[in-house]
């Protein structure tokens, strides 16, 4: 029976939901700090201000709580980047759409979500079976980026010397590595985004030759 018939039941369910969220928040924090191998239930419980056995009331195992954080992190990243792209005007160039995706990706993994950061930073450390279960989300995100690069190539906005697949993987690799080295004490998110946009724009886009400015007809040679 799923219907909640008493106020006490509603309050109990709400408390359980809040505790579950605290566990997930704590797990994301510990994953970012210690990595998959170094994430222990005792550390999660300490951050969540719980006794470690209480975690088993909400999750069957350490692996289950970690996997849920990874799943949520991937979903948040996909949704944030898609929302940024959907908000762009229809006339936005293909390169500018890539730049918007670059910005949104860095925003979410660097400052907006520990879940997204934990997902990016720990994906390669996960057991193979756990990675396999995340494959659908990874493919969804990859397809979004593949469409961006293929569109840029089709419209002639991508430097023809570049292979779209290789260029896409290099850009994503660089973006995904950013949480590993970025230190907010050495530069703001805005500065990192500006650097990334500059590198991507001038690394990917067809560069049009600059037009030489003609001297005004009123210029007089005074030599």
Foldseek 3Di string as FASTA:
>chain_A
DPDDDDPVSVVVVVVVVVLLVLLLQLQLVCCLVQNDVRDDLCSSCVSSVHDSVVVCVPPVDPVRSLLVLLLVLLVVLQVQLVVQLVPDDPPDALLVNVLSSLLSNLCCLAPNDSSVVSNLVHLVVDPPVSNVVCVVSVVVSVVVLLVSLVRCVVVQFWDPVDDSVVLSVVLVVVSSCCSVPDDCVVDHSVVVSVVSSVCSNVVTGDDDDDDDDDDDPPDDDPD
